[in-house]
Amino acid sequence: MADSLKTSARRVQDALLAAGLACEVVEMPKTTRTASEAAEAAGCRVGQIVKSLVFRGTRTGKPYLVVASGANRVNEKVLAGLVGEPVEMPDADFVREKTGFAIGGVPPLGHDEPLETYIDQGLLEHEEIWAAAGTPNAIFKLTPADLQAITGGRVVKIS
């Protein structure tokens, strides 16, 4: 199956295997770019969708990854307090440069460089969750414990 995946989706599949997870990346016929589109494609609730959002520190230019429930909005003031500097949403070029993936397909793992990661505690309310897998129509199912393991992220109330 992984051989038929697009390059970016295959990269995520390889990262999952390298992390010791048997999760399977699935390419959907329709877009999964937004949380609602991904939920429809996966047949789950929007809250079960993992949004991988990259923020940039306004003083340091450092990238920060927030993996949040698709039902929640990230509170940038809370994130700023956690990282110790104001943050902003960067442009698409910054996201691609730091992660190796385009907005709309950014997965929670397999990035070009390590990212300090924060996990929205709302994701822990679900037995299974779905995350982007490198393209705007690829996703994979995992558990909140798997998400914590593959990201090394800190669980926080960020919405």
C-alpha atoms as a PDB file:
ATOM      1  CA  MET A   1       0.000   0.000   0.000  1.00  0.00           C
ATOM      2  CA  ALA A   2       2.771   2.478   0.916  1.00  0.00           C
ATOM      3  CA  ASP A   3       4.302   2.080  -2.544  1.00  0.00           C
ATOM      4  CA  SER A   4       1.193   3.605  -4.140  1.00  0.00           C
ATOM      5  CA  LEU A   5       1.214   6.664  -1.855  1.00  0.00           C
ATOM      6  CA  LYS A   6       2.288  10.100  -3.044  1.00  0.00           C
ATOM      7  CA  THR A   7       5.814  11.045  -1.972  1.00  0.00           C
ATOM      8  CA  SER A   8       4.787  13.187   1.029  1.00  0.00           C
ATOM      9  CA  ALA A   9       2.266  10.614   2.261  1.00  0.00           C
ATOM     10  CA  ARG A  10       4.861   7.849   1.874  1.00  0.00           C
ATOM     11  CA  ARG A  11       7.269   9.961   3.930  1.00  0.00           C
ATOM     12  CA  VAL A  12       4.688  10.068   6.755  1.00  0.00           C
ATOM     13  CA  GLN A  13       4.062   6.321   6.457  1.00  0.00           C
ATOM     14  CA  ASP A  14       7.808   5.693   6.732  1.00  0.00           C
ATOM     15  CA  ALA A  15       8.025   7.988   9.791  1.00  0.00           C
ATOM     16  CA  LEU A  16       5.171   6.088  11.446  1.00  0.00           C
ATOM     17  CA  LEU A  17       6.900   2.765  10.837  1.00  0.00           C
ATOM     18  CA  ALA A  18      10.207   4.166  12.102  1.00  0.00           C
ATOM     19  CA  ALA A  19       8.377   5.264  15.266  1.00  0.00           C
ATOM     20  CA  GLY A  20       7.150   1.691  15.749  1.00  0.00           C
ATOM     21  CA  LEU A  21       3.502   2.368  14.897  1.00  0.00           C
ATOM     22  CA  ALA A  22       1.462   0.170  12.605  1.00  0.00           C
ATOM     23  CA  CYS A  23      -0.780   3.056  11.563  1.00  0.00           C
ATOM     24  CA  GLU A  24      -1.747   3.084   7.887  1.00  0.00           C
ATOM     25  CA  VAL A  25      -1.777   6.247   5.816  1.00  0.00           C
ATOM     26  CA  VAL A  26      -4.877   6.387   3.626  1.00  0.00           C
ATOM     27  CA  GLU A  27      -5.296   8.694   0.646  1.00  0.00           C
ATOM     28  CA  MET A  28      -8.908   9.780   0.311  1.00  0.00           C
ATOM     29  CA  PRO A  29     -10.673  10.632  -2.958  1.00  0.00           C
ATOM     30  CA  LYS A  30     -11.781  13.986  -1.504  1.00  0.00           C
ATOM     31  CA  THR A  31      -9.812  16.687   0.268  1.00  0.00           C
ATOM     32  CA  THR A  32      -9.030  16.431   3.969  1.00  0.00           C
ATOM     33  CA  ARG A  33      -7.484  19.911   4.134  1.00  0.00           C
ATOM     34  CA  THR A  34      -9.859  21.258   6.812  1.00  0.00           C
ATOM     35  CA  ALA A  35     -10.968  19.597  10.036  1.00  0.00           C
ATOM     36  CA  SER A  36     -14.556  19.290   8.817  1.00  0.00           C
ATOM     37  CA  GLU A  37     -13.471  17.790   5.479  1.00  0.00           C
ATOM     38  CA  ALA A  38     -11.162  15.340   7.252  1.00  0.00           C
ATOM     39  CA  ALA A  39     -13.923  14.326   9.683  1.00  0.00           C
ATOM     40  CA  GLU A  40     -16.312  13.696   6.816  1.00  0.00           C
ATOM     41  CA  ALA A  41     -13.719  11.597   4.969  1.00  0.00           C
ATOM     42  CA  ALA A  42     -12.790   9.597   8.093  1.00  0.00           C
ATOM     43  CA  GLY A  43     -16.385   9.168   9.261  1.00  0.00           C
ATOM     44  CA  CYS A  44     -15.705  10.684  12.669  1.00  0.00           C
ATOM     45  CA  ARG A  45     -16.478  13.821  14.674  1.00  0.00           C
ATOM     46  CA  VAL A  46     -14.541  17.050  14.065  1.00  0.00           C
ATOM     47  CA  GLY A  47     -13.165  16.824  17.612  1.00  0.00           C
ATOM     48  CA  GLN A  48     -11.319  13.637  16.627  1.00  0.00           C
ATOM     49  CA  ILE A  49      -9.316  15.430  13.938  1.00  0.00           C
ATOM     50  CA  VAL A  50      -5.758  16.449  14.791  1.00  0.00           C
ATOM     51  CA  LYS A  51      -4.956  19.925  13.467  1.00  0.00           C
ATOM     52  CA  SER A  52      -1.182  20.347  13.157  1.00  0.00           C
ATOM     53  CA  LEU A  53      -0.595  24.093  13.375  1.00  0.00           C
ATOM     54  CA  VAL A  54       2.790  25.768  13.135  1.00  0.00           C
ATOM     55  CA  PHE A  55       3.335  29.076  14.917  1.00  0.00           C
ATOM     56  CA  ARG A  56       6.389  31.331  14.826  1.00  0.00           C
ATOM     57  CA  GLY A  57       7.883  33.125  17.813  1.00  0.00           C
ATOM     58  CA  THR A  58       7.919  36.833  16.994  1.00  0.00           C
ATOM     59  CA  ARG A  59      11.233  37.471  18.788  1.00  0.00           C
ATOM     60  CA  THR A  60      13.199  34.318  17.990  1.00  0.00           C
ATOM     61  CA  GLY A  61      11.580  33.157  14.753  1.00  0.00           C
ATOM     62  CA  LYS A  62      11.439  29.693  16.326  1.00  0.00           C
ATOM     63  CA  PRO A  63       8.732  27.320  15.047  1.00  0.00           C
ATOM     64  CA  TYR A  64       6.280  25.777  17.504  1.00  0.00           C
ATOM     65  CA  LEU A  65       3.897  22.950  16.648  1.00  0.00           C
ATOM     66  CA  VAL A  66       0.463  22.758  18.229  1.00  0.00           C
ATOM     67  CA  VAL A  67      -1.574  19.625  17.607  1.00  0.00           C
ATOM     68  CA  ALA A  68      -5.119  20.530  18.500  1.00  0.00           C
ATOM     69  CA  SER A  69      -8.566  19.031  18.280  1.00  0.00           C
ATOM     70  CA  GLY A  70     -10.372  20.089  15.116  1.00  0.00           C
ATOM     71  CA  ALA A  71     -13.215  21.300  17.333  1.00  0.00           C
ATOM     72  CA  ASN A  72     -10.989  23.689  19.294  1.00  0.00           C
ATOM     73  CA  ARG A  73      -9.413  27.032  18.501  1.00  0.00           C
ATOM     74  CA  VAL A  74      -5.858  27.569  19.731  1.00  0.00           C
ATOM     75  CA  ASN A  75      -5.510  30.451  22.166  1.00  0.00           C
ATOM     76  CA  GLU A  76      -2.365  32.247  20.988  1.00  0.00           C
ATOM     77  CA  LYS A  77      -2.003  34.116  24.305  1.00  0.00           C
ATOM     78  CA  VAL A  78      -1.874  30.809  26.175  1.00  0.00           C
ATOM     79  CA  LEU A  79       0.698  29.473  23.700  1.00  0.00           C
ATOM     80  CA  ALA A  80       2.775  32.648  24.085  1.00  0.00           C
ATOM     81  CA  GLY A  81       2.808  32.118  27.836  1.00  0.00           C
ATOM     82  CA  LEU A  82       3.947  28.526  27.388  1.00  0.00           C
ATOM     83  CA  VAL A  83       6.776  29.340  24.975  1.00  0.00           C
ATOM     84  CA  GLY A  84       7.854  32.590  26.616  1.00  0.00           C
ATOM     85  CA  GLU A  85       7.371  34.894  23.645  1.00  0.00           C
ATOM     86  CA  PRO A  86       4.560  36.268  21.494  1.00  0.00           C
ATOM     87  CA  VAL A  87       3.594  34.011  18.584  1.00  0.00           C
ATOM     88  CA  GLU A  88       2.061  34.511  15.162  1.00  0.00           C
ATOM     89  CA  MET A  89       0.745  32.392  12.338  1.00  0.00           C
ATOM     90  CA  PRO A  90       3.547  32.273   9.744  1.00  0.00           C
ATOM     91  CA  ASP A  91       3.181  32.192   5.979  1.00  0.00           C
ATOM     92  CA  ALA A  92       3.045  28.989   3.959  1.00  0.00           C
ATOM     93  CA  ASP A  93       6.718  29.226   2.970  1.00  0.00           C
ATOM     94  CA  PHE A  94       7.831  29.217   6.627  1.00  0.00           C
ATOM     95  CA  VAL A  95       5.651  26.175   7.374  1.00  0.00           C
ATOM     96  CA  ARG A  96       7.039  24.260   4.394  1.00  0.00           C
ATOM     97  CA  GLU A  97      10.624  25.254   5.251  1.00  0.00           C
ATOM     98  CA  LYS A  98      10.339  24.046   8.858  1.00  0.00           C
ATOM     99  CA  THR A  99       8.201  20.939   8.333  1.00  0.00           C
ATOM    100  CA  GLY A 100       8.769  19.891   4.720  1.00  0.00           C
ATOM    101  CA  PHE A 101       5.006  19.824   4.187  1.00  0.00           C
ATOM    102  CA  ALA A 102       2.439  22.223   2.755  1.00  0.00           C
ATOM    103  CA  ILE A 103      -0.330  23.755   4.856  1.00  0.00           C
ATOM    104  CA  GLY A 104      -3.389  21.514   4.690  1.00  0.00           C
ATOM    105  CA  GLY A 105      -1.324  18.338   4.931  1.00  0.00           C
ATOM    106  CA  VAL A 106       1.084  18.977   7.820  1.00  0.00           C
ATOM    107  CA  PRO A 107       1.345  15.794   9.894  1.00  0.00           C
ATOM    108  CA  PRO A 108       2.293  15.617  13.569  1.00  0.00           C
ATOM    109  CA  LEU A 109       5.584  13.830  12.755  1.00  0.00           C
ATOM    110  CA  GLY A 110       8.219  13.419  10.032  1.00  0.00           C
ATOM    111  CA  HIS A 111       9.214  17.085   9.880  1.00  0.00           C
ATOM    112  CA  ASP A 112      12.439  18.413   8.391  1.00  0.00           C
ATOM    113  CA  GLU A 113      13.526  19.672  11.794  1.00  0.00           C
ATOM    114  CA  PRO A 114      12.450  18.894  15.364  1.00  0.00           C
ATOM    115  CA  LEU A 115       9.659  21.175  16.564  1.00  0.00           C
ATOM    116  CA  GLU A 116       8.780  22.017  20.157  1.00  0.00           C
ATOM    117  CA  THR A 117       5.296  20.501  20.357  1.00  0.00           C
ATOM    118  CA  TYR A 118       2.188  21.133  22.423  1.00  0.00           C
ATOM    119  CA  ILE A 119      -0.809  18.773  22.446  1.00  0.00           C
ATOM    120  CA  ASP A 120      -4.316  20.106  23.051  1.00  0.00           C
ATOM    121  CA  GLN A 121      -5.712  18.142  26.006  1.00  0.00           C
ATOM    122  CA  GLY A 122      -9.044  17.972  24.151  1.00  0.00           C
ATOM    123  CA  LEU A 123      -7.557  15.269  21.935  1.00  0.00           C
ATOM    124  CA  LEU A 124      -7.155  12.962  24.943  1.00  0.00           C
ATOM    125  CA  GLU A 125     -10.939  12.708  25.297  1.00  0.00           C
ATOM    126  CA  HIS A 126     -11.141  10.362  22.294  1.00  0.00           C
ATOM    127  CA  GLU A 127     -10.240   6.704  21.889  1.00  0.00           C
ATOM    128  CA  GLU A 128      -9.114   7.264  18.307  1.00  0.00           C
ATOM    129  CA  ILE A 129      -8.099  10.361  16.417  1.00  0.00           C
ATOM    130  CA  TRP A 130      -7.161  11.135  12.807  1.00  0.00           C
ATOM    131  CA  ALA A 131      -4.218  13.234  11.627  1.00  0.00           C
ATOM    132  CA  ALA A 132      -3.017  14.681   8.333  1.00  0.00           C
ATOM    133  CA  ALA A 133      -0.460  12.577   6.513  1.00  0.00           C
ATOM    134  CA  GLY A 134       1.527  14.890   4.283  1.00  0.00           C
ATOM    135  CA  THR A 135      -0.939  15.804   1.540  1.00  0.00           C
ATOM    136  CA  PRO A 136      -4.318  17.574   1.470  1.00  0.00           C
ATOM    137  CA  ASN A 137      -6.105  14.232   1.054  1.00  0.00           C
ATOM    138  CA  ALA A 138      -4.057  11.794   3.178  1.00  0.00           C
ATOM    139  CA  ILE A 139      -4.846  10.900   6.804  1.00  0.00           C
ATOM    140  CA  PHE A 140      -4.094   8.207   9.352  1.00  0.00           C
ATOM    141  CA  LYS A 141      -5.814   6.918  12.499  1.00  0.00           C
ATOM    142  CA  LEU A 142      -4.033   6.721  15.836  1.00  0.00           C
ATOM    143  CA  THR A 143      -4.647   6.972  19.572  1.00  0.00           C
ATOM    144  CA  PRO A 144      -3.892   9.950  21.802  1.00  0.00           C
ATOM    145  CA  ALA A 145      -1.155   7.854  23.472  1.00  0.00           C
ATOM    146  CA  ASP A 146       0.379   7.220  20.030  1.00  0.00           C
ATOM    147  CA  LEU A 147       0.260  10.959  19.338  1.00  0.00           C
ATOM    148  CA  GLN A 148       2.104  11.712  22.561  1.00  0.00           C
ATOM    149  CA  ALA A 149       4.704   9.053  21.766  1.00  0.00           C
ATOM    150  CA  ILE A 150       5.439  10.215  18.208  1.00  0.00           C
ATOM    151  CA  THR A 151       5.564  13.935  18.992  1.00  0.00           C
ATOM    152  CA  GLY A 152       7.055  13.991  22.482  1.00  0.00           C
ATOM    153  CA  GLY A 153       4.615  16.845  22.951  1.00  0.00           C
ATOM    154  CA  ARG A 154       3.528  18.424  26.194  1.00  0.00           C
ATOM    155  CA  VAL A 155      -0.207  18.063  26.913  1.00  0.00           C
ATOM    156  CA  VAL A 156      -1.730  21.453  27.725  1.00  0.00           C
ATOM    157  CA  LYS A 157      -5.047  23.271  27.862  1.00  0.00           C
ATOM    158  CA  ILE A 158      -4.529  25.556  24.900  1.00  0.00           C
ATOM    159  CA  SER A 159      -8.003  26.220  23.562  1.00  0.00           C
END
